[in-house]
Amino acid sequence: MKAKGLTLIELIIVITIIGALTLGFSWYFIKTIDLWNFLSFRNEIVNQIRIGLIRMGRDIRQIKRRTPTQETIEEATESSFQFIREIDTGDVRIRYRYLTNDTEVVYEVDQDLDGVFDYSHTLLSGASSFRFTYFDSQDNVTTVPSDIYRVKITLTVTEGGEALQLHYEVFPRNFKY
């Protein structure tokens, strides 16, 4: 009569197969969790950048209307944009600047138009590149403040070896179209 049960060889084969399956499943779960962490981190960065770009766009849309005696866009360079914005209590001077060394985009406000910025804070940090591009009504690139019809903001953030670039275009409402 034969004894019933498992031999040592059969037991070792079953344990080896279960170990291989466990290793495969754990690798799959680890990769899934890593992907989820990466996507949630990227989503968080995109949302922070989007909030900053929307803030800039809102201010740029509200640039004060030009008059024959006053140009409301005072500075329009690749890394800086300064303009007069009309608010309920009067006019304010707003400047957005990209600080290359600090990789920050700074928002500054001169509330009494005396040339001294009363308020300044970092709007976006960790920007590997930031650029304003200005277009006239014919869609030609321009740097002449009185010809600006549309403003394009390009922002690149590099995190974890991956570059993420966002573009935002704004038409100031108070300019003639």
N, C-alpha and C. Protein backbone atom coordinates (compact mmCIF):
# COMPACT_ATOMS: atom_id res chain seq x y z
N MET A 1 0.82 -1.17 0.00
CA MET A 1 0.00 0.00 0.00
C MET A 1 0.87 1.24 0.00
N LYS A 2 0.45 2.23 -0.77
CA LYS A 2 1.23 3.47 -0.86
C LYS A 2 0.77 4.46 0.19
N ALA A 3 1.72 5.21 0.72
CA ALA A 3 1.38 6.24 1.70
C ALA A 3 0.87 7.48 0.99
N LYS A 4 -0.18 8.05 1.58
CA LYS A 4 -0.75 9.26 0.99
C LYS A 4 -0.05 10.48 1.58
N GLY A 5 0.10 11.53 0.75
CA GLY A 5 0.73 12.75 1.21
C GLY A 5 1.64 13.31 0.13
N LEU A 6 2.36 14.32 0.50
CA LEU A 6 3.26 14.99 -0.45
C LEU A 6 4.69 14.59 -0.17
N THR A 7 5.41 14.44 -1.23
CA THR A 7 6.84 14.19 -1.05
C THR A 7 7.53 15.53 -0.88
N LEU A 8 8.74 15.49 -0.42
CA LEU A 8 9.52 16.71 -0.21
C LEU A 8 9.73 17.46 -1.53
N ILE A 9 9.95 16.77 -2.60
CA ILE A 9 10.16 17.38 -3.92
C ILE A 9 8.89 18.12 -4.35
N GLU A 10 7.74 17.51 -4.19
CA GLU A 10 6.48 18.15 -4.57
C GLU A 10 6.25 19.41 -3.73
N LEU A 11 6.54 19.35 -2.46
CA LEU A 11 6.38 20.50 -1.57
C LEU A 11 7.30 21.65 -1.98
N ILE A 12 8.54 21.34 -2.33
CA ILE A 12 9.49 22.37 -2.75
C ILE A 12 9.03 23.00 -4.07
N ILE A 13 8.51 22.21 -4.99
CA ILE A 13 8.02 22.75 -6.27
C ILE A 13 6.84 23.68 -6.04
N VAL A 14 5.89 23.32 -5.21
CA VAL A 14 4.72 24.16 -4.91
C VAL A 14 5.16 25.46 -4.25
N ILE A 15 6.05 25.41 -3.29
CA ILE A 15 6.54 26.62 -2.61
C ILE A 15 7.26 27.53 -3.60
N THR A 16 8.05 26.96 -4.51
CA THR A 16 8.76 27.76 -5.52
C THR A 16 7.78 28.45 -6.46
N ILE A 17 6.73 27.74 -6.88
CA ILE A 17 5.72 28.34 -7.78
C ILE A 17 4.98 29.45 -7.06
N ILE A 18 4.58 29.23 -5.83
CA ILE A 18 3.87 30.27 -5.06
C ILE A 18 4.78 31.48 -4.84
N GLY A 19 6.05 31.26 -4.55
CA GLY A 19 7.01 32.37 -4.38
C GLY A 19 7.17 33.17 -5.66
N ALA A 20 7.24 32.51 -6.81
CA ALA A 20 7.38 33.21 -8.09
C ALA A 20 6.13 34.03 -8.38
N LEU A 21 4.95 33.45 -8.14
CA LEU A 21 3.70 34.20 -8.36
C LEU A 21 3.61 35.40 -7.42
N THR A 22 3.98 35.22 -6.17
CA THR A 22 3.96 36.33 -5.21
C THR A 22 4.91 37.44 -5.63
N LEU A 23 6.08 37.06 -6.09
CA LEU A 23 7.05 38.05 -6.56
C LEU A 23 6.50 38.83 -7.75
N GLY A 24 5.87 38.16 -8.68
CA GLY A 24 5.29 38.82 -9.85
C GLY A 24 4.17 39.77 -9.47
N PHE A 25 3.27 39.33 -8.59
CA PHE A 25 2.17 40.19 -8.16
C PHE A 25 2.68 41.39 -7.36
N SER A 26 3.66 41.17 -6.50
CA SER A 26 4.17 42.30 -5.71
C SER A 26 4.86 43.32 -6.61
N TRP A 27 5.57 42.87 -7.63
CA TRP A 27 6.20 43.81 -8.57
C TRP A 27 5.13 44.63 -9.29
N TYR A 28 4.04 43.98 -9.69
CA TYR A 28 2.92 44.66 -10.36
C TYR A 28 2.32 45.72 -9.44
N PHE A 29 2.07 45.36 -8.17
CA PHE A 29 1.48 46.30 -7.23
C PHE A 29 2.42 47.46 -6.93
N ILE A 30 3.70 47.21 -6.81
CA ILE A 30 4.67 48.27 -6.54
C ILE A 30 4.71 49.26 -7.72
N LYS A 31 4.72 48.74 -8.95
CA LYS A 31 4.73 49.61 -10.13
C LYS A 31 3.44 50.43 -10.21
N THR A 32 2.31 49.83 -9.87
CA THR A 32 1.03 50.55 -9.88
C THR A 32 1.04 51.67 -8.86
N ILE A 33 1.53 51.41 -7.67
CA ILE A 33 1.61 52.44 -6.63
C ILE A 33 2.57 53.55 -7.04
N ASP A 34 3.72 53.22 -7.62
CA ASP A 34 4.67 54.23 -8.10
C ASP A 34 4.04 55.11 -9.17
N LEU A 35 3.30 54.51 -10.09
CA LEU A 35 2.63 55.27 -11.14
C LEU A 35 1.59 56.20 -10.54
N TRP A 36 0.82 55.72 -9.59
CA TRP A 36 -0.19 56.56 -8.95
C TRP A 36 0.47 57.74 -8.23
N ASN A 37 1.56 57.48 -7.51
CA ASN A 37 2.28 58.56 -6.82
C ASN A 37 2.81 59.59 -7.81
N PHE A 38 3.37 59.13 -8.91
CA PHE A 38 3.90 60.04 -9.93
C PHE A 38 2.79 60.90 -10.53
N LEU A 39 1.67 60.27 -10.88
CA LEU A 39 0.57 61.02 -11.50
C LEU A 39 -0.08 62.00 -10.53
N SER A 40 -0.21 61.62 -9.27
CA SER A 40 -0.80 62.55 -8.31
C SER A 40 0.16 63.71 -8.05
N PHE A 41 1.47 63.47 -8.00
CA PHE A 41 2.45 64.54 -7.83
C PHE A 41 2.41 65.48 -9.03
N ARG A 42 2.36 64.90 -10.23
CA ARG A 42 2.29 65.72 -11.44
C ARG A 42 1.01 66.53 -11.49
N ASN A 43 -0.08 65.93 -11.09
CA ASN A 43 -1.36 66.63 -11.05
C ASN A 43 -1.30 67.82 -10.09
N GLU A 44 -0.67 67.63 -8.96
CA GLU A 44 -0.53 68.70 -7.97
C GLU A 44 0.28 69.86 -8.55
N ILE A 45 1.37 69.56 -9.24
CA ILE A 45 2.20 70.60 -9.86
C ILE A 45 1.40 71.35 -10.92
N VAL A 46 0.69 70.62 -11.77
CA VAL A 46 -0.09 71.25 -12.83
C VAL A 46 -1.15 72.17 -12.23
N ASN A 47 -1.80 71.75 -11.17
CA ASN A 47 -2.82 72.59 -10.55
C ASN A 47 -2.23 73.85 -9.95
N GLN A 48 -1.06 73.76 -9.32
CA GLN A 48 -0.42 74.95 -8.76
C GLN A 48 -0.02 75.92 -9.88
N ILE A 49 0.53 75.38 -10.95
CA ILE A 49 0.93 76.23 -12.08
C ILE A 49 -0.29 76.87 -12.71
N ARG A 50 -1.33 76.10 -12.88
CA ARG A 50 -2.56 76.61 -13.50
C ARG A 50 -3.13 77.78 -12.69
N ILE A 51 -3.12 77.67 -11.37
CA ILE A 51 -3.62 78.76 -10.53
C ILE A 51 -2.80 80.02 -10.75
N GLY A 52 -1.47 79.88 -10.82
CA GLY A 52 -0.61 81.04 -11.06
C GLY A 52 -0.86 81.66 -12.43
N LEU A 53 -1.00 80.83 -13.45
CA LEU A 53 -1.25 81.36 -14.80
C LEU A 53 -2.61 82.03 -14.89
N ILE A 54 -3.60 81.48 -14.24
CA ILE A 54 -4.93 82.10 -14.25
C ILE A 54 -4.89 83.44 -13.55
N ARG A 55 -4.12 83.54 -12.47
CA ARG A 55 -3.98 84.83 -11.76
C ARG A 55 -3.35 85.88 -12.67
N MET A 56 -2.28 85.47 -13.37
CA MET A 56 -1.64 86.40 -14.31
C MET A 56 -2.61 86.82 -15.41
N GLY A 57 -3.31 85.85 -15.96
CA GLY A 57 -4.26 86.13 -17.03
C GLY A 57 -5.35 87.08 -16.59
N ARG A 58 -5.85 86.89 -15.38
CA ARG A 58 -6.90 87.78 -14.87
C ARG A 58 -6.40 89.22 -14.78
N ASP A 59 -5.20 89.40 -14.27
CA ASP A 59 -4.65 90.76 -14.16
C ASP A 59 -4.39 91.36 -15.54
N ILE A 60 -3.84 90.58 -16.45
CA ILE A 60 -3.52 91.09 -17.79
C ILE A 60 -4.80 91.46 -18.54
N ARG A 61 -5.86 90.69 -18.36
CA ARG A 61 -7.14 91.03 -19.00
C ARG A 61 -7.66 92.38 -18.54
N GLN A 62 -7.31 92.77 -17.33
CA GLN A 62 -7.83 94.02 -16.74
C GLN A 62 -6.89 95.22 -16.90
N ILE A 63 -5.95 95.15 -17.85
CA ILE A 63 -5.07 96.29 -18.08
C ILE A 63 -5.93 97.51 -18.41
N LYS A 64 -5.55 98.63 -17.83
CA LYS A 64 -6.30 99.87 -18.04
C LYS A 64 -6.25 100.28 -19.51
N ARG A 65 -7.35 100.86 -19.98
CA ARG A 65 -7.44 101.31 -21.38
C ARG A 65 -6.40 102.39 -21.65
N ARG A 66 -5.76 102.28 -22.81
CA ARG A 66 -4.78 103.29 -23.22
C ARG A 66 -5.47 104.61 -23.52
N THR A 67 -4.75 105.68 -23.26
CA THR A 67 -5.23 107.01 -23.66
C THR A 67 -4.12 107.66 -24.47
N PRO A 68 -4.44 108.72 -25.19
CA PRO A 68 -3.37 109.40 -25.95
C PRO A 68 -2.25 109.93 -25.07
N THR A 69 -2.53 110.18 -23.80
CA THR A 69 -1.51 110.74 -22.92
C THR A 69 -0.88 109.68 -22.00
N GLN A 70 -1.44 108.48 -21.96
CA GLN A 70 -0.89 107.47 -21.05
C GLN A 70 -0.84 106.09 -21.72
N GLU A 71 0.37 105.53 -21.74
CA GLU A 71 0.54 104.14 -22.18
C GLU A 71 0.47 103.28 -20.93
N THR A 72 -0.46 102.36 -20.88
CA THR A 72 -0.68 101.58 -19.66
C THR A 72 0.23 100.36 -19.55
N ILE A 73 0.87 99.96 -20.63
CA ILE A 73 1.88 98.91 -20.54
C ILE A 73 3.23 99.62 -20.47
N GLU A 74 3.91 99.48 -19.35
CA GLU A 74 5.14 100.23 -19.12
C GLU A 74 6.40 99.43 -19.45
N GLU A 75 6.33 98.12 -19.32
CA GLU A 75 7.49 97.29 -19.60
C GLU A 75 7.00 95.96 -20.17
N ALA A 76 7.60 95.57 -21.29
CA ALA A 76 7.21 94.31 -21.93
C ALA A 76 8.47 93.63 -22.46
N THR A 77 9.07 92.81 -21.61
CA THR A 77 10.25 92.05 -22.01
C THR A 77 9.92 90.57 -21.94
N GLU A 78 10.88 89.75 -22.29
CA GLU A 78 10.66 88.31 -22.26
C GLU A 78 10.46 87.79 -20.84
N SER A 79 11.10 88.43 -19.88
CA SER A 79 11.04 87.93 -18.50
C SER A 79 10.26 88.84 -17.55
N SER A 80 9.74 89.95 -18.05
CA SER A 80 9.04 90.89 -17.17
C SER A 80 7.91 91.58 -17.93
N PHE A 81 6.81 91.80 -17.22
CA PHE A 81 5.67 92.49 -17.81
C PHE A 81 5.09 93.40 -16.73
N GLN A 82 5.09 94.70 -17.02
CA GLN A 82 4.63 95.69 -16.06
C GLN A 82 3.56 96.55 -16.72
N PHE A 83 2.45 96.77 -15.99
CA PHE A 83 1.33 97.50 -16.57
C PHE A 83 0.50 98.16 -15.47
N ILE A 84 -0.39 99.06 -15.90
CA ILE A 84 -1.32 99.72 -15.00
C ILE A 84 -2.66 98.99 -15.10
N ARG A 85 -3.20 98.65 -13.95
CA ARG A 85 -4.50 97.99 -13.91
C ARG A 85 -5.47 98.86 -13.13
N GLU A 86 -6.67 98.95 -13.63
CA GLU A 86 -7.71 99.74 -12.98
C GLU A 86 -8.48 98.84 -12.02
N ILE A 87 -8.60 99.31 -10.77
CA ILE A 87 -9.41 98.58 -9.79
C ILE A 87 -10.42 99.56 -9.20
N ASP A 88 -11.29 99.08 -8.32
CA ASP A 88 -12.36 99.91 -7.76
C ASP A 88 -11.85 101.16 -7.05
N THR A 89 -10.72 101.04 -6.35
CA THR A 89 -10.21 102.15 -5.56
C THR A 89 -9.24 103.05 -6.33
N GLY A 90 -9.00 102.78 -7.59
CA GLY A 90 -8.07 103.57 -8.39
C GLY A 90 -7.17 102.67 -9.22
N ASP A 91 -6.06 103.22 -9.64
CA ASP A 91 -5.13 102.45 -10.47
C ASP A 91 -4.01 101.85 -9.61
N VAL A 92 -3.49 100.72 -10.03
CA VAL A 92 -2.33 100.10 -9.41
C VAL A 92 -1.37 99.67 -10.51
N ARG A 93 -0.10 99.64 -10.18
CA ARG A 93 0.92 99.15 -11.11
C ARG A 93 1.23 97.71 -10.71
N ILE A 94 1.20 96.83 -11.69
CA ILE A 94 1.47 95.41 -11.44
C ILE A 94 2.65 94.99 -12.30
N ARG A 95 3.52 94.19 -11.70
CA ARG A 95 4.65 93.66 -12.47
C ARG A 95 4.81 92.18 -12.15
N TYR A 96 4.96 91.41 -13.21
CA TYR A 96 5.31 90.00 -13.10
C TYR A 96 6.73 89.86 -13.62
N ARG A 97 7.60 89.24 -12.83
CA ARG A 97 9.01 89.06 -13.22
C ARG A 97 9.43 87.63 -12.99
N TYR A 98 10.30 87.15 -13.89
CA TYR A 98 10.90 85.83 -13.71
C TYR A 98 12.31 86.03 -13.19
N LEU A 99 12.59 85.49 -12.01
CA LEU A 99 13.91 85.56 -11.41
C LEU A 99 14.66 84.29 -11.78
N THR A 100 15.57 84.39 -12.72
CA THR A 100 16.25 83.23 -13.26
C THR A 100 17.02 82.46 -12.20
N ASN A 101 17.74 83.17 -11.35
CA ASN A 101 18.57 82.50 -10.33
C ASN A 101 17.72 81.74 -9.32
N ASP A 102 16.57 82.28 -8.98
CA ASP A 102 15.71 81.66 -7.97
C ASP A 102 14.65 80.75 -8.59
N THR A 103 14.56 80.73 -9.90
CA THR A 103 13.53 79.99 -10.65
C THR A 103 12.13 80.29 -10.12
N GLU A 104 11.88 81.57 -9.89
CA GLU A 104 10.60 82.00 -9.36
C GLU A 104 9.96 83.05 -10.27
N VAL A 105 8.65 83.06 -10.28
CA VAL A 105 7.89 84.13 -10.91
C VAL A 105 7.31 84.95 -9.77
N VAL A 106 7.65 86.25 -9.78
CA VAL A 106 7.29 87.13 -8.68
C VAL A 106 6.18 88.08 -9.13
N TYR A 107 5.23 88.30 -8.24
CA TYR A 107 4.11 89.21 -8.46
C TYR A 107 4.34 90.42 -7.56
N GLU A 108 4.38 91.63 -8.16
CA GLU A 108 4.64 92.84 -7.39
C GLU A 108 3.55 93.87 -7.66
N VAL A 109 3.19 94.64 -6.62
CA VAL A 109 2.13 95.65 -6.74
C VAL A 109 2.63 96.97 -6.19
N ASP A 110 2.43 98.04 -6.96
CA ASP A 110 2.69 99.42 -6.53
C ASP A 110 1.32 100.10 -6.42
N GLN A 111 0.81 100.19 -5.21
CA GLN A 111 -0.56 100.66 -5.01
C GLN A 111 -0.75 102.15 -5.22
N ASP A 112 0.28 102.95 -4.98
CA ASP A 112 0.12 104.40 -5.12
C ASP A 112 0.86 104.97 -6.32
N LEU A 113 1.34 104.11 -7.21
CA LEU A 113 1.99 104.51 -8.47
C LEU A 113 3.19 105.43 -8.26
N ASP A 114 3.92 105.25 -7.15
CA ASP A 114 5.08 106.09 -6.87
C ASP A 114 6.39 105.46 -7.35
N GLY A 115 6.32 104.30 -7.99
CA GLY A 115 7.51 103.64 -8.50
C GLY A 115 8.13 102.66 -7.52
N VAL A 116 7.63 102.63 -6.30
CA VAL A 116 8.11 101.70 -5.28
C VAL A 116 7.05 100.62 -5.10
N PHE A 117 7.45 99.38 -5.28
CA PHE A 117 6.49 98.30 -5.16
C PHE A 117 6.22 98.00 -3.69
N ASP A 118 4.96 98.15 -3.29
CA ASP A 118 4.55 98.02 -1.90
C ASP A 118 4.37 96.57 -1.47
N TYR A 119 4.12 95.73 -2.42
CA TYR A 119 3.76 94.34 -2.11
C TYR A 119 4.43 93.43 -3.11
N SER A 120 5.04 92.36 -2.63
CA SER A 120 5.71 91.42 -3.52
C SER A 120 5.63 90.02 -2.92
N HIS A 121 5.31 89.05 -3.75
CA HIS A 121 5.34 87.66 -3.30
C HIS A 121 5.61 86.73 -4.47
N THR A 122 6.04 85.53 -4.14
CA THR A 122 6.34 84.52 -5.15
C THR A 122 5.03 83.90 -5.61
N LEU A 123 4.77 84.01 -6.90
CA LEU A 123 3.56 83.44 -7.48
C LEU A 123 3.79 81.98 -7.85
N LEU A 124 4.93 81.70 -8.48
CA LEU A 124 5.27 80.34 -8.89
C LEU A 124 6.74 80.09 -8.56
N SER A 125 7.04 78.91 -8.08
CA SER A 125 8.45 78.58 -7.83
C SER A 125 8.77 77.26 -8.55
N GLY A 126 10.05 77.07 -8.81
CA GLY A 126 10.48 75.85 -9.48
C GLY A 126 10.35 75.90 -10.98
N ALA A 127 10.25 77.10 -11.55
CA ALA A 127 10.11 77.24 -13.00
C ALA A 127 11.49 77.15 -13.65
N SER A 128 11.68 76.18 -14.53
CA SER A 128 12.97 76.07 -15.20
C SER A 128 13.08 77.05 -16.36
N SER A 129 11.95 77.49 -16.90
CA SER A 129 11.95 78.60 -17.87
C SER A 129 10.59 79.27 -17.84
N PHE A 130 10.61 80.55 -18.16
CA PHE A 130 9.39 81.36 -18.16
C PHE A 130 9.58 82.45 -19.19
N ARG A 131 8.56 82.69 -20.01
CA ARG A 131 8.72 83.68 -21.08
C ARG A 131 7.38 84.32 -21.43
N PHE A 132 7.42 85.63 -21.59
CA PHE A 132 6.30 86.37 -22.16
C PHE A 132 6.59 86.57 -23.64
N THR A 133 5.58 86.39 -24.48
CA THR A 133 5.69 86.71 -25.89
C THR A 133 4.51 87.62 -26.21
N TYR A 134 4.78 88.69 -26.93
CA TYR A 134 3.74 89.69 -27.21
C TYR A 134 3.45 89.71 -28.70
N PHE A 135 2.17 89.84 -29.03
CA PHE A 135 1.75 89.85 -30.43
C PHE A 135 0.92 91.09 -30.71
N ASP A 136 1.05 91.61 -31.94
CA ASP A 136 0.22 92.73 -32.36
C ASP A 136 -1.08 92.19 -32.96
N SER A 137 -1.91 93.07 -33.47
CA SER A 137 -3.22 92.65 -34.01
C SER A 137 -3.09 91.82 -35.29
N GLN A 138 -1.92 91.83 -35.92
CA GLN A 138 -1.70 91.03 -37.13
C GLN A 138 -1.02 89.70 -36.81
N ASP A 139 -0.90 89.37 -35.53
CA ASP A 139 -0.24 88.15 -35.05
C ASP A 139 1.27 88.12 -35.27
N ASN A 140 1.87 89.28 -35.37
CA ASN A 140 3.33 89.38 -35.46
C ASN A 140 3.89 89.61 -34.06
N VAL A 141 5.03 89.01 -33.78
CA VAL A 141 5.68 89.22 -32.48
C VAL A 141 6.13 90.67 -32.39
N THR A 142 5.88 91.29 -31.24
CA THR A 142 6.25 92.69 -31.04
C THR A 142 6.78 92.90 -29.63
N THR A 143 7.59 93.94 -29.46
CA THR A 143 8.03 94.34 -28.12
C THR A 143 7.63 95.79 -27.85
N VAL A 144 6.93 96.39 -28.78
CA VAL A 144 6.48 97.78 -28.63
C VAL A 144 5.20 97.77 -27.79
N PRO A 145 5.22 98.38 -26.59
CA PRO A 145 4.05 98.32 -25.71
C PRO A 145 2.75 98.80 -26.35
N SER A 146 2.81 99.83 -27.17
CA SER A 146 1.58 100.36 -27.75
C SER A 146 0.99 99.44 -28.82
N ASP A 147 1.76 98.46 -29.30
CA ASP A 147 1.27 97.54 -30.33
C ASP A 147 0.75 96.22 -29.76
N ILE A 148 0.89 96.01 -28.47
CA ILE A 148 0.52 94.72 -27.89
C ILE A 148 -0.99 94.52 -27.94
N TYR A 149 -1.37 93.38 -28.48
CA TYR A 149 -2.77 93.01 -28.65
C TYR A 149 -3.07 91.70 -27.92
N ARG A 150 -2.06 90.85 -27.82
CA ARG A 150 -2.21 89.54 -27.19
C ARG A 150 -0.90 89.20 -26.47
N VAL A 151 -1.01 88.54 -25.33
CA VAL A 151 0.15 88.14 -24.53
C VAL A 151 0.12 86.62 -24.38
N LYS A 152 1.25 86.00 -24.69
CA LYS A 152 1.37 84.55 -24.52
C LYS A 152 2.39 84.29 -23.41
N ILE A 153 2.01 83.46 -22.46
CA ILE A 153 2.88 83.11 -21.34
C ILE A 153 3.28 81.65 -21.52
N THR A 154 4.57 81.38 -21.50
CA THR A 154 5.07 80.01 -21.61
C THR A 154 5.88 79.70 -20.36
N LEU A 155 5.52 78.63 -19.70
CA LEU A 155 6.14 78.24 -18.44
C LEU A 155 6.55 76.78 -18.51
N THR A 156 7.79 76.49 -18.12
CA THR A 156 8.28 75.11 -18.07
C THR A 156 8.74 74.81 -16.65
N VAL A 157 8.28 73.69 -16.12
CA VAL A 157 8.69 73.23 -14.81
C VAL A 157 9.29 71.84 -14.98
N THR A 158 10.45 71.62 -14.38
CA THR A 158 11.09 70.31 -14.45
C THR A 158 11.11 69.71 -13.05
N GLU A 159 10.48 68.58 -12.90
CA GLU A 159 10.43 67.87 -11.62
C GLU A 159 10.69 66.40 -11.88
N GLY A 160 11.55 65.81 -11.11
CA GLY A 160 11.81 64.39 -11.23
C GLY A 160 12.30 63.97 -12.60
N GLY A 161 13.04 64.83 -13.27
CA GLY A 161 13.57 64.50 -14.58
C GLY A 161 12.59 64.66 -15.72
N GLU A 162 11.37 65.08 -15.43
CA GLU A 162 10.37 65.27 -16.49
C GLU A 162 10.00 66.75 -16.60
N ALA A 163 10.02 67.26 -17.82
CA ALA A 163 9.68 68.67 -18.06
C ALA A 163 8.20 68.76 -18.43
N LEU A 164 7.56 69.75 -17.85
CA LEU A 164 6.15 70.00 -18.11
C LEU A 164 6.03 71.44 -18.57
N GLN A 165 5.48 71.65 -19.77
CA GLN A 165 5.38 73.00 -20.33
C GLN A 165 3.92 73.37 -20.52
N LEU A 166 3.57 74.58 -20.05
CA LEU A 166 2.21 75.08 -20.20
C LEU A 166 2.25 76.41 -20.93
N HIS A 167 1.24 76.64 -21.74
CA HIS A 167 1.08 77.90 -22.49
C HIS A 167 -0.25 78.51 -22.09
N TYR A 168 -0.26 79.83 -22.01
CA TYR A 168 -1.49 80.54 -21.66
C TYR A 168 -1.51 81.82 -22.47
N GLU A 169 -2.58 82.07 -23.18
CA GLU A 169 -2.69 83.28 -24.00
C GLU A 169 -3.80 84.16 -23.46
N VAL A 170 -3.53 85.47 -23.45
CA VAL A 170 -4.46 86.42 -22.87
C VAL A 170 -4.65 87.59 -23.83
N PHE A 171 -5.90 88.01 -23.98
CA PHE A 171 -6.25 89.22 -24.72
C PHE A 171 -6.70 90.26 -23.71
N PRO A 172 -5.95 91.36 -23.55
CA PRO A 172 -6.43 92.41 -22.64
C PRO A 172 -7.79 92.94 -23.11
N ARG A 173 -8.76 92.97 -22.23
CA ARG A 173 -10.14 93.35 -22.60
C ARG A 173 -10.29 94.79 -23.04
N ASN A 174 -9.52 95.68 -22.46
CA ASN A 174 -9.73 97.10 -22.69
C ASN A 174 -9.02 97.64 -23.93
N PHE A 175 -8.38 96.77 -24.71
CA PHE A 175 -7.72 97.22 -25.92
C PHE A 175 -8.67 97.01 -27.08
N LYS A 176 -8.56 97.84 -28.08
CA LYS A 176 -9.43 97.73 -29.25
C LYS A 176 -9.04 96.50 -30.06
N TYR A 177 -10.05 95.78 -30.52
CA TYR A 177 -9.79 94.55 -31.28
C TYR A 177 -10.20 94.72 -32.71
